[in-house]
Structures are given as structure tokens and as C-alpha cells.
Amino acid sequence: MSDNRAGEAVRRVRALALLDRYADELAAHAYKLGCTPTEAEDVADEAILALLSRKADAKTVENERAWLYAVTRRVVIKVLSANKRYDERLRGLDFRQRAWAEPEIALEAAETFRALAKLPVEHREAVVLAAQGFANAEIAEITEVSTDVVKQRISRGRRRLRQLTGRAKPVEPSTISGRRNE
């Protein structure tokens, strides 16, 4: 009986550690892919629960972060497809200004965010993941394509962003916050 309680306590500690480590990051990613803030939180929680159940089944995950992003991506697609509003939401994506030091930065970020919404889903996803610091191999693992395809999508996505914003280097998507604690 005490072994069972100890095992449950270990699982709770592991769940809290995963939530602390990844919840905001995954929710921000889901938000950038088109979820509402509430949906983004739910998606992040679902991805973490999937990892916990996988660990409970003793199935190993080599790259925990990339695996969570891949699950987050699939859950976002499922959520938005189920609601039949994926494309409509991306076209009408609205940037909500956070606390910015300078208004010019806020305007550039809003313009970049709107331009991101105009990119094809595959290009937007690759550009956002690259801006968040993922290596091409990790992006390939998350999106389930080859690294050559990832490089191509990033290149085309960045080129199109430059065209849409009229700037040599648009504001990086990672500076556009979607975290739930802000």
C-alpha cells in the first residue's frame, strides 16, 4: 500500500515538474498556431498528460521537448479542425499588444504577426519553431518531414515574411508573446 502511495507521489511530482517546465512554452506555441488562449492552455495540458501516460507505460522519449511540440501540433490541428475554423481563424488572427517598451516595436511585431498569419501553415510553423530556437532536425521530427523540407519551408517562409512586411528582417515571431501568465 505504501509503495502505491509513493509511486503516486512520484507521478504527481513529475507532473508538476513538467507543467512548470513546459506548460507556458507549449501554450504559447499553440496560441501562435491559432488557438485561443484557453484552447492553448488545454492543448499544452493534453500534451503533457500524453507524455506522462507514455512514461507510465515505460515507453521512452529521447527528445522530450521535441516530442511535446509534435504532440502539441497534432492536438492543435485536431482542436481547430474539429471546430472547422482553422483557416478562418488564421486569416482573421488579431494581435493583442502586450507591454512594450516602445510603440514602434509593438507596431512591427503586430505587422509581423499578421504577416505570419498569411503564410501557408507549413511555412508559418517552420518559421515559428526556428525562431523559438529549435534545430532543423528537431523541427523535422516535430513536423514529421525531412530536414531538407524544413530548410526549404523556413527559407520560403522568411522570404515571404520579408515581402509581406517590406523589411529586410522582420521582427522574430519569438518576440510576440502568447504566454498565459502575462
N, C-alpha and C. Protein backbone atom coordinates (compact mmCIF):
# COMPACT_ATOMS: atom_id res chain seq x y z
N MET A 1 0.82 -1.19 0.00
CA MET A 1 0.00 0.00 0.00
C MET A 1 0.86 1.25 0.00
N SER A 2 1.94 1.29 0.81
CA SER A 2 2.80 2.47 0.86
C SER A 2 3.60 2.61 -0.43
N ASP A 3 3.93 1.49 -1.10
CA ASP A 3 4.61 1.57 -2.39
C ASP A 3 3.71 2.24 -3.42
N ASN A 4 2.44 1.94 -3.36
CA ASN A 4 1.47 2.53 -4.27
C ASN A 4 1.37 4.04 -4.05
N ARG A 5 1.35 4.46 -2.78
CA ARG A 5 1.30 5.88 -2.43
C ARG A 5 2.58 6.58 -2.85
N ALA A 6 3.70 5.94 -2.66
CA ALA A 6 4.99 6.53 -3.05
C ALA A 6 5.04 6.70 -4.57
N GLY A 7 4.56 5.70 -5.30
CA GLY A 7 4.53 5.78 -6.76
C GLY A 7 3.64 6.92 -7.23
N GLU A 8 2.50 7.08 -6.58
CA GLU A 8 1.59 8.16 -6.92
C GLU A 8 2.21 9.52 -6.62
N ALA A 9 2.90 9.63 -5.51
CA ALA A 9 3.57 10.88 -5.15
C ALA A 9 4.66 11.23 -6.17
N VAL A 10 5.40 10.23 -6.62
CA VAL A 10 6.43 10.45 -7.62
C VAL A 10 5.80 10.93 -8.93
N ARG A 11 4.68 10.33 -9.32
CA ARG A 11 3.99 10.75 -10.55
C ARG A 11 3.47 12.19 -10.44
N ARG A 12 2.97 12.56 -9.25
CA ARG A 12 2.50 13.93 -9.06
C ARG A 12 3.65 14.94 -9.16
N VAL A 13 4.76 14.61 -8.53
CA VAL A 13 5.93 15.49 -8.59
C VAL A 13 6.41 15.62 -10.03
N ARG A 14 6.44 14.52 -10.75
CA ARG A 14 6.86 14.54 -12.17
C ARG A 14 5.90 15.40 -13.00
N ALA A 15 4.60 15.27 -12.75
CA ALA A 15 3.61 16.06 -13.49
C ALA A 15 3.79 17.55 -13.21
N LEU A 16 3.97 17.91 -11.96
CA LEU A 16 4.17 19.31 -11.61
C LEU A 16 5.45 19.86 -12.22
N ALA A 17 6.51 19.05 -12.25
CA ALA A 17 7.77 19.48 -12.85
C ALA A 17 7.60 19.73 -14.35
N LEU A 18 6.90 18.83 -15.02
CA LEU A 18 6.65 19.00 -16.46
C LEU A 18 5.79 20.24 -16.72
N LEU A 19 4.78 20.45 -15.89
CA LEU A 19 3.93 21.64 -16.06
C LEU A 19 4.75 22.91 -15.88
N ASP A 20 5.58 22.94 -14.84
CA ASP A 20 6.43 24.12 -14.61
C ASP A 20 7.39 24.35 -15.76
N ARG A 21 7.92 23.29 -16.30
CA ARG A 21 8.95 23.41 -17.33
C ARG A 21 8.38 23.74 -18.72
N TYR A 22 7.25 23.15 -19.09
CA TYR A 22 6.79 23.24 -20.47
C TYR A 22 5.42 23.90 -20.70
N ALA A 23 4.59 24.03 -19.70
CA ALA A 23 3.21 24.47 -19.93
C ALA A 23 3.12 25.81 -20.65
N ASP A 24 3.83 26.81 -20.18
CA ASP A 24 3.74 28.13 -20.81
C ASP A 24 4.30 28.11 -22.23
N GLU A 25 5.40 27.41 -22.40
CA GLU A 25 6.04 27.32 -23.72
C GLU A 25 5.12 26.64 -24.74
N LEU A 26 4.51 25.53 -24.34
CA LEU A 26 3.61 24.81 -25.24
C LEU A 26 2.32 25.60 -25.50
N ALA A 27 1.81 26.26 -24.47
CA ALA A 27 0.60 27.07 -24.65
C ALA A 27 0.89 28.23 -25.60
N ALA A 28 2.06 28.85 -25.48
CA ALA A 28 2.43 29.94 -26.39
C ALA A 28 2.52 29.43 -27.82
N HIS A 29 3.08 28.24 -27.98
CA HIS A 29 3.20 27.67 -29.32
C HIS A 29 1.80 27.38 -29.91
N ALA A 30 0.93 26.81 -29.11
CA ALA A 30 -0.43 26.52 -29.58
C ALA A 30 -1.16 27.81 -29.94
N TYR A 31 -0.94 28.85 -29.16
CA TYR A 31 -1.55 30.16 -29.44
C TYR A 31 -1.05 30.71 -30.77
N LYS A 32 0.25 30.58 -31.01
CA LYS A 32 0.84 31.07 -32.26
C LYS A 32 0.35 30.27 -33.46
N LEU A 33 -0.08 29.04 -33.22
CA LEU A 33 -0.61 28.23 -34.32
C LEU A 33 -2.10 28.48 -34.55
N GLY A 34 -2.73 29.31 -33.72
CA GLY A 34 -4.10 29.70 -33.99
C GLY A 34 -5.13 29.39 -32.92
N CYS A 35 -4.73 28.84 -31.79
CA CYS A 35 -5.68 28.56 -30.71
C CYS A 35 -5.99 29.83 -29.93
N THR A 36 -7.14 29.85 -29.30
CA THR A 36 -7.44 30.91 -28.35
C THR A 36 -6.57 30.65 -27.12
N PRO A 37 -6.40 31.64 -26.25
CA PRO A 37 -5.60 31.40 -25.04
C PRO A 37 -6.10 30.22 -24.20
N THR A 38 -7.40 30.09 -24.05
CA THR A 38 -7.95 28.98 -23.27
C THR A 38 -7.68 27.65 -23.95
N GLU A 39 -7.89 27.58 -25.27
CA GLU A 39 -7.60 26.36 -26.01
C GLU A 39 -6.11 26.02 -25.93
N ALA A 40 -5.27 27.04 -25.99
CA ALA A 40 -3.82 26.83 -25.94
C ALA A 40 -3.42 26.19 -24.61
N GLU A 41 -4.00 26.64 -23.52
CA GLU A 41 -3.72 26.05 -22.21
C GLU A 41 -4.15 24.58 -22.18
N ASP A 42 -5.33 24.31 -22.71
CA ASP A 42 -5.84 22.93 -22.75
C ASP A 42 -4.95 22.04 -23.61
N VAL A 43 -4.50 22.56 -24.73
CA VAL A 43 -3.63 21.80 -25.63
C VAL A 43 -2.32 21.46 -24.91
N ALA A 44 -1.74 22.44 -24.23
CA ALA A 44 -0.49 22.21 -23.51
C ALA A 44 -0.67 21.14 -22.43
N ASP A 45 -1.76 21.24 -21.69
CA ASP A 45 -2.04 20.24 -20.66
C ASP A 45 -2.21 18.85 -21.26
N GLU A 46 -2.90 18.76 -22.39
CA GLU A 46 -3.11 17.47 -23.04
C GLU A 46 -1.78 16.86 -23.51
N ALA A 47 -0.91 17.69 -24.03
CA ALA A 47 0.40 17.19 -24.49
C ALA A 47 1.21 16.66 -23.30
N ILE A 48 1.18 17.37 -22.20
CA ILE A 48 1.93 16.92 -21.01
C ILE A 48 1.33 15.64 -20.44
N LEU A 49 0.02 15.54 -20.44
CA LEU A 49 -0.63 14.31 -19.98
C LEU A 49 -0.26 13.13 -20.89
N ALA A 50 -0.16 13.38 -22.19
CA ALA A 50 0.24 12.32 -23.12
C ALA A 50 1.64 11.84 -22.80
N LEU A 51 2.53 12.77 -22.48
CA LEU A 51 3.90 12.37 -22.12
C LEU A 51 3.91 11.58 -20.82
N LEU A 52 3.14 12.02 -19.84
CA LEU A 52 3.09 11.31 -18.57
C LEU A 52 2.55 9.89 -18.75
N SER A 53 1.52 9.72 -19.55
CA SER A 53 0.97 8.37 -19.76
C SER A 53 1.96 7.51 -20.54
N ARG A 54 2.70 8.12 -21.44
CA ARG A 54 3.72 7.38 -22.19
C ARG A 54 4.83 6.92 -21.24
N LYS A 55 5.24 7.80 -20.34
CA LYS A 55 6.28 7.43 -19.36
C LYS A 55 5.77 6.34 -18.42
N ALA A 56 4.48 6.40 -18.07
CA ALA A 56 3.91 5.38 -17.18
C ALA A 56 3.91 4.02 -17.85
N ASP A 57 3.79 4.01 -19.18
CA ASP A 57 3.82 2.75 -19.93
C ASP A 57 5.26 2.30 -20.21
N ALA A 58 6.23 3.02 -19.65
CA ALA A 58 7.66 2.71 -19.78
C ALA A 58 8.15 2.85 -21.23
N LYS A 59 7.48 3.66 -22.03
CA LYS A 59 7.94 3.96 -23.38
C LYS A 59 8.84 5.18 -23.29
N THR A 60 10.03 5.06 -23.79
CA THR A 60 10.97 6.17 -23.66
C THR A 60 10.77 7.21 -24.75
N VAL A 61 11.09 8.43 -24.38
CA VAL A 61 11.06 9.55 -25.31
C VAL A 61 12.45 10.16 -25.25
N GLU A 62 13.16 10.13 -26.37
CA GLU A 62 14.53 10.63 -26.39
C GLU A 62 14.60 12.14 -26.24
N ASN A 63 13.86 12.87 -27.05
CA ASN A 63 13.88 14.33 -27.01
C ASN A 63 12.52 14.79 -26.51
N GLU A 64 12.43 14.96 -25.21
CA GLU A 64 11.16 15.27 -24.55
C GLU A 64 10.51 16.54 -25.12
N ARG A 65 11.30 17.59 -25.29
CA ARG A 65 10.77 18.87 -25.77
C ARG A 65 10.22 18.74 -27.20
N ALA A 66 10.98 18.14 -28.08
CA ALA A 66 10.53 17.97 -29.47
C ALA A 66 9.29 17.08 -29.52
N TRP A 67 9.26 16.05 -28.70
CA TRP A 67 8.11 15.15 -28.67
C TRP A 67 6.86 15.92 -28.22
N LEU A 68 7.01 16.76 -27.19
CA LEU A 68 5.88 17.55 -26.71
C LEU A 68 5.39 18.54 -27.77
N TYR A 69 6.31 19.14 -28.51
CA TYR A 69 5.90 20.05 -29.59
C TYR A 69 5.16 19.29 -30.69
N ALA A 70 5.61 18.09 -31.00
CA ALA A 70 4.92 17.29 -32.02
C ALA A 70 3.50 16.95 -31.57
N VAL A 71 3.35 16.56 -30.32
CA VAL A 71 2.03 16.26 -29.78
C VAL A 71 1.17 17.52 -29.76
N THR A 72 1.76 18.62 -29.34
CA THR A 72 1.04 19.90 -29.31
C THR A 72 0.53 20.24 -30.71
N ARG A 73 1.38 20.07 -31.70
CA ARG A 73 1.00 20.35 -33.09
C ARG A 73 -0.21 19.50 -33.50
N ARG A 74 -0.15 18.20 -33.20
CA ARG A 74 -1.25 17.31 -33.59
C ARG A 74 -2.55 17.67 -32.86
N VAL A 75 -2.43 18.03 -31.58
CA VAL A 75 -3.63 18.38 -30.81
C VAL A 75 -4.21 19.70 -31.33
N VAL A 76 -3.36 20.66 -31.67
CA VAL A 76 -3.84 21.94 -32.22
C VAL A 76 -4.62 21.68 -33.51
N ILE A 77 -4.05 20.88 -34.39
CA ILE A 77 -4.73 20.57 -35.65
C ILE A 77 -6.07 19.90 -35.38
N LYS A 78 -6.07 18.97 -34.43
CA LYS A 78 -7.32 18.28 -34.08
C LYS A 78 -8.36 19.25 -33.51
N VAL A 79 -7.93 20.11 -32.61
CA VAL A 79 -8.85 21.07 -31.99
C VAL A 79 -9.42 22.03 -33.03
N LEU A 80 -8.55 22.60 -33.83
CA LEU A 80 -9.01 23.59 -34.80
C LEU A 80 -9.79 22.96 -35.95
N SER A 81 -9.41 21.76 -36.34
CA SER A 81 -10.16 21.07 -37.39
C SER A 81 -11.53 20.65 -36.88
N ALA A 82 -11.59 20.22 -35.65
CA ALA A 82 -12.87 19.82 -35.06
C ALA A 82 -13.82 21.00 -35.01
N ASN A 83 -13.28 22.16 -34.79
CA ASN A 83 -14.11 23.37 -34.74
C ASN A 83 -14.34 23.97 -36.12
N LYS A 84 -13.67 23.41 -37.13
CA LYS A 84 -13.78 23.86 -38.53
C LYS A 84 -13.51 25.35 -38.67
N ARG A 85 -12.49 25.81 -37.96
CA ARG A 85 -12.20 27.24 -38.06
C ARG A 85 -10.72 27.51 -38.21
N TYR A 86 -9.95 26.49 -38.54
CA TYR A 86 -8.50 26.66 -38.63
C TYR A 86 -8.13 27.76 -39.62
N ASP A 87 -8.53 27.65 -40.87
CA ASP A 87 -8.16 28.64 -41.87
C ASP A 87 -8.81 29.99 -41.60
N GLU A 88 -10.08 29.99 -41.18
CA GLU A 88 -10.76 31.25 -40.92
C GLU A 88 -10.08 32.00 -39.78
N ARG A 89 -9.68 31.30 -38.75
CA ARG A 89 -9.04 31.92 -37.62
C ARG A 89 -7.68 32.48 -38.00
N LEU A 90 -6.94 31.74 -38.82
CA LEU A 90 -5.62 32.21 -39.21
C LEU A 90 -5.71 33.46 -40.07
N ARG A 91 -6.73 33.55 -40.91
CA ARG A 91 -6.90 34.74 -41.74
C ARG A 91 -7.27 35.95 -40.88
N GLY A 92 -8.04 35.74 -39.84
CA GLY A 92 -8.50 36.85 -39.02
C GLY A 92 -7.73 37.01 -37.73
N LEU A 93 -6.55 36.42 -37.65
CA LEU A 93 -5.75 36.47 -36.43
C LEU A 93 -5.50 37.90 -36.02
N ASP A 94 -5.76 38.19 -34.79
CA ASP A 94 -5.62 39.54 -34.28
C ASP A 94 -4.48 39.57 -33.28
N PHE A 95 -3.62 40.57 -33.42
CA PHE A 95 -2.52 40.72 -32.49
C PHE A 95 -2.98 41.57 -31.32
N ARG A 96 -2.77 41.05 -30.13
CA ARG A 96 -3.11 41.81 -28.94
C ARG A 96 -1.81 42.30 -28.31
N GLN A 97 -1.70 43.61 -28.22
CA GLN A 97 -0.46 44.22 -27.73
C GLN A 97 -0.24 43.88 -26.26
N ARG A 98 0.97 43.50 -25.98
CA ARG A 98 1.40 43.27 -24.60
C ARG A 98 2.12 44.53 -24.13
N ALA A 99 2.78 44.43 -23.02
CA ALA A 99 3.56 45.57 -22.53
C ALA A 99 4.81 45.70 -23.38
N TRP A 100 4.95 46.82 -24.06
CA TRP A 100 6.10 47.04 -24.93
C TRP A 100 6.83 48.29 -24.46
N ALA A 101 8.14 48.28 -24.61
CA ALA A 101 8.94 49.43 -24.24
C ALA A 101 8.70 50.58 -25.21
N GLU A 102 8.60 50.29 -26.50
CA GLU A 102 8.44 51.33 -27.50
C GLU A 102 7.29 50.98 -28.44
N PRO A 103 6.46 51.95 -28.77
CA PRO A 103 5.32 51.68 -29.67
C PRO A 103 5.75 51.18 -31.05
N GLU A 104 6.91 51.63 -31.54
CA GLU A 104 7.37 51.19 -32.86
C GLU A 104 7.58 49.68 -32.88
N ILE A 105 8.10 49.15 -31.79
CA ILE A 105 8.33 47.71 -31.70
C ILE A 105 6.99 46.97 -31.72
N ALA A 106 6.01 47.53 -31.01
CA ALA A 106 4.68 46.90 -30.99
C ALA A 106 4.07 46.89 -32.38
N LEU A 107 4.23 47.98 -33.11
CA LEU A 107 3.68 48.05 -34.46
C LEU A 107 4.37 47.06 -35.38
N GLU A 108 5.70 46.96 -35.28
CA GLU A 108 6.44 45.99 -36.11
C GLU A 108 6.04 44.57 -35.76
N ALA A 109 5.89 44.29 -34.47
CA ALA A 109 5.50 42.95 -34.05
C ALA A 109 4.10 42.61 -34.53
N ALA A 110 3.18 43.57 -34.45
CA ALA A 110 1.82 43.34 -34.93
C ALA A 110 1.81 43.07 -36.42
N GLU A 111 2.60 43.83 -37.16
CA GLU A 111 2.70 43.64 -38.60
C GLU A 111 3.28 42.26 -38.93
N THR A 112 4.30 41.87 -38.20
CA THR A 112 4.91 40.55 -38.41
C THR A 112 3.92 39.45 -38.08
N PHE A 113 3.17 39.61 -36.99
CA PHE A 113 2.20 38.60 -36.59
C PHE A 113 1.11 38.45 -37.65
N ARG A 114 0.63 39.56 -38.18
CA ARG A 114 -0.37 39.50 -39.25
C ARG A 114 0.21 38.85 -40.50
N ALA A 115 1.48 39.16 -40.81
CA ALA A 115 2.14 38.55 -41.97
C ALA A 115 2.30 37.05 -41.75
N LEU A 116 2.63 36.65 -40.53
CA LEU A 116 2.74 35.22 -40.22
C LEU A 116 1.44 34.50 -40.51
N ALA A 117 0.32 35.13 -40.17
CA ALA A 117 -0.98 34.51 -40.38
C ALA A 117 -1.28 34.30 -41.86
N LYS A 118 -0.62 35.06 -42.73
CA LYS A 118 -0.84 34.94 -44.18
C LYS A 118 0.02 33.85 -44.81
N LEU A 119 1.01 33.35 -44.08
CA LEU A 119 1.87 32.29 -44.62
C LEU A 119 1.11 30.98 -44.67
N PRO A 120 1.50 30.09 -45.59
CA PRO A 120 0.93 28.73 -45.55
C PRO A 120 1.27 28.10 -44.19
N VAL A 121 0.40 27.27 -43.70
CA VAL A 121 0.56 26.67 -42.37
C VAL A 121 1.94 26.02 -42.21
N GLU A 122 2.40 25.29 -43.22
CA GLU A 122 3.68 24.59 -43.11
C GLU A 122 4.84 25.57 -42.96
N HIS A 123 4.80 26.67 -43.69
CA HIS A 123 5.87 27.67 -43.62
C HIS A 123 5.82 28.40 -42.28
N ARG A 124 4.63 28.79 -41.84
CA ARG A 124 4.49 29.50 -40.57
C ARG A 124 5.01 28.65 -39.42
N GLU A 125 4.62 27.40 -39.42
CA GLU A 125 5.04 26.51 -38.35
C GLU A 125 6.56 26.37 -38.31
N ALA A 126 7.18 26.20 -39.46
CA ALA A 126 8.64 26.05 -39.52
C ALA A 126 9.34 27.33 -39.06
N VAL A 127 8.84 28.48 -39.50
CA VAL A 127 9.46 29.76 -39.11
C VAL A 127 9.31 29.99 -37.61
N VAL A 128 8.13 29.73 -37.06
CA VAL A 128 7.91 29.93 -35.63
C VAL A 128 8.80 29.00 -34.80
N LEU A 129 8.88 27.73 -35.18
CA LEU A 129 9.72 26.79 -34.44
C LEU A 129 11.20 27.19 -34.54
N ALA A 130 11.64 27.63 -35.71
CA ALA A 130 13.04 28.06 -35.86
C ALA A 130 13.31 29.29 -34.99
N ALA A 131 12.36 30.22 -34.95
CA ALA A 131 12.52 31.42 -34.14
C ALA A 131 12.55 31.10 -32.64
N GLN A 132 11.92 29.99 -32.27
CA GLN A 132 11.92 29.58 -30.87
C GLN A 132 13.17 28.79 -30.50
N GLY A 133 14.08 28.64 -31.46
CA GLY A 133 15.37 28.03 -31.15
C GLY A 133 15.49 26.55 -31.45
N PHE A 134 14.53 25.97 -32.12
CA PHE A 134 14.64 24.56 -32.47
C PHE A 134 15.62 24.38 -33.62
N ALA A 135 16.40 23.32 -33.57
CA ALA A 135 17.29 22.97 -34.67
C ALA A 135 16.45 22.37 -35.80
N ASN A 136 16.99 22.42 -37.02
CA ASN A 136 16.25 21.88 -38.17
C ASN A 136 15.87 20.42 -37.97
N ALA A 137 16.76 19.64 -37.36
CA ALA A 137 16.46 18.22 -37.12
C ALA A 137 15.28 18.07 -36.16
N GLU A 138 15.21 18.93 -35.14
CA GLU A 138 14.09 18.88 -34.20
C GLU A 138 12.79 19.30 -34.89
N ILE A 139 12.86 20.32 -35.73
CA ILE A 139 11.67 20.76 -36.46
C ILE A 139 11.19 19.63 -37.37
N ALA A 140 12.14 18.94 -38.00
CA ALA A 140 11.78 17.82 -38.87
C ALA A 140 11.07 16.73 -38.06
N GLU A 141 11.56 16.47 -36.86
CA GLU A 141 10.94 15.46 -36.00
C GLU A 141 9.53 15.90 -35.59
N ILE A 142 9.38 17.16 -35.24
CA ILE A 142 8.08 17.68 -34.80
C ILE A 142 7.06 17.65 -35.93
N THR A 143 7.47 18.09 -37.11
CA THR A 143 6.54 18.22 -38.23
C THR A 143 6.47 16.97 -39.10
N GLU A 144 7.32 16.00 -38.79
CA GLU A 144 7.32 14.70 -39.48
C GLU A 144 7.63 14.83 -40.97
N VAL A 145 8.66 15.65 -41.28
CA VAL A 145 9.17 15.79 -42.64
C VAL A 145 10.70 15.73 -42.58
N SER A 146 11.36 15.70 -43.73
CA SER A 146 12.82 15.65 -43.74
C SER A 146 13.42 17.01 -43.40
N THR A 147 14.70 17.01 -43.02
CA THR A 147 15.36 18.28 -42.70
C THR A 147 15.49 19.16 -43.95
N ASP A 148 15.62 18.56 -45.12
CA ASP A 148 15.67 19.36 -46.35
C ASP A 148 14.36 20.12 -46.56
N VAL A 149 13.24 19.46 -46.29
CA VAL A 149 11.94 20.11 -46.41
C VAL A 149 11.83 21.23 -45.38
N VAL A 150 12.33 20.99 -44.18
CA VAL A 150 12.30 22.02 -43.13
C VAL A 150 13.09 23.25 -43.58
N LYS A 151 14.30 23.03 -44.09
CA LYS A 151 15.12 24.16 -44.56
C LYS A 151 14.39 24.95 -45.64
N GLN A 152 13.75 24.24 -46.53
CA GLN A 152 13.02 24.87 -47.62
C GLN A 152 11.84 25.70 -47.08
N ARG A 153 11.11 25.13 -46.14
CA ARG A 153 9.96 25.84 -45.58
C ARG A 153 10.39 27.08 -44.81
N ILE A 154 11.47 26.97 -44.06
CA ILE A 154 11.97 28.13 -43.31
C ILE A 154 12.41 29.22 -44.28
N SER A 155 13.16 28.84 -45.29
CA SER A 155 13.65 29.81 -46.27
C SER A 155 12.49 30.50 -46.99
N ARG A 156 11.55 29.72 -47.46
CA ARG A 156 10.41 30.31 -48.17
C ARG A 156 9.54 31.15 -47.24
N GLY A 157 9.36 30.68 -46.02
CA GLY A 157 8.56 31.43 -45.06
C GLY A 157 9.19 32.77 -44.71
N ARG A 158 10.50 32.77 -44.46
CA ARG A 158 11.19 34.02 -44.15
C ARG A 158 11.19 34.97 -45.34
N ARG A 159 11.39 34.43 -46.53
CA ARG A 159 11.38 35.27 -47.73
C ARG A 159 10.01 35.93 -47.89
N ARG A 160 8.96 35.15 -47.69
CA ARG A 160 7.60 35.69 -47.83
C ARG A 160 7.31 36.71 -46.73
N LEU A 161 7.81 36.48 -45.52
CA LEU A 161 7.63 37.46 -44.44
C LEU A 161 8.29 38.78 -44.81
N ARG A 162 9.49 38.71 -45.38
CA ARG A 162 10.17 39.94 -45.80
C ARG A 162 9.35 40.66 -46.86
N GLN A 163 8.76 39.93 -47.79
CA GLN A 163 7.92 40.54 -48.83
C GLN A 163 6.68 41.19 -48.22
N LEU A 164 6.05 40.48 -47.31
CA LEU A 164 4.81 40.98 -46.73
C LEU A 164 5.02 42.19 -45.82
N THR A 165 6.16 42.23 -45.13
CA THR A 165 6.41 43.32 -44.19
C THR A 165 7.20 44.45 -44.82
N GLY A 166 7.86 44.19 -45.95
CA GLY A 166 8.65 45.22 -46.61
C GLY A 166 9.92 45.58 -45.87
N ARG A 167 10.35 44.70 -44.96
CA ARG A 167 11.58 44.94 -44.21
C ARG A 167 12.60 43.86 -44.54
N ALA A 168 13.86 44.23 -44.43
CA ALA A 168 14.92 43.26 -44.68
C ALA A 168 14.87 42.14 -43.66
N LYS A 169 14.57 42.47 -42.40
CA LYS A 169 14.49 41.46 -41.36
C LYS A 169 13.28 41.76 -40.48
N PRO A 170 12.19 40.99 -40.61
CA PRO A 170 11.02 41.24 -39.78
C PRO A 170 11.27 40.88 -38.32
N VAL A 171 10.43 41.40 -37.44
CA VAL A 171 10.52 41.07 -36.02
C VAL A 171 10.35 39.56 -35.88
N GLU A 172 11.22 38.94 -35.09
CA GLU A 172 11.16 37.49 -34.91
C GLU A 172 9.86 37.11 -34.20
N PRO A 173 9.20 36.04 -34.67
CA PRO A 173 7.94 35.61 -34.03
C PRO A 173 8.11 35.27 -32.56
N SER A 174 9.32 34.90 -32.13
CA SER A 174 9.51 34.54 -30.73
C SER A 174 9.36 35.74 -29.80
N THR A 175 9.43 36.97 -30.34
CA THR A 175 9.25 38.16 -29.51
C THR A 175 7.79 38.48 -29.30
N ILE A 176 6.92 37.81 -30.04
CA ILE A 176 5.48 38.02 -29.89
C ILE A 176 4.99 37.04 -28.83
N SER A 177 4.61 37.54 -27.71
CA SER A 177 4.30 36.69 -26.58
C SER A 177 2.89 36.15 -26.65
N GLY A 178 2.76 34.89 -26.27
CA GLY A 178 1.44 34.29 -26.15
C GLY A 178 1.35 33.53 -24.86
N ARG A 179 2.22 33.83 -23.92
CA ARG A 179 2.25 33.10 -22.66
C ARG A 179 1.04 33.44 -21.83
N ARG A 180 0.60 32.46 -21.06
CA ARG A 180 -0.65 32.65 -20.33
C ARG A 180 -0.48 33.42 -19.03
N ASN A 181 0.72 33.63 -18.54
CA ASN A 181 0.93 34.34 -17.29
C ASN A 181 1.16 35.82 -17.50
N GLU A 182 0.99 36.32 -18.72
CA GLU A 182 1.24 37.74 -18.97
C GLU A 182 -0.03 38.54 -18.93
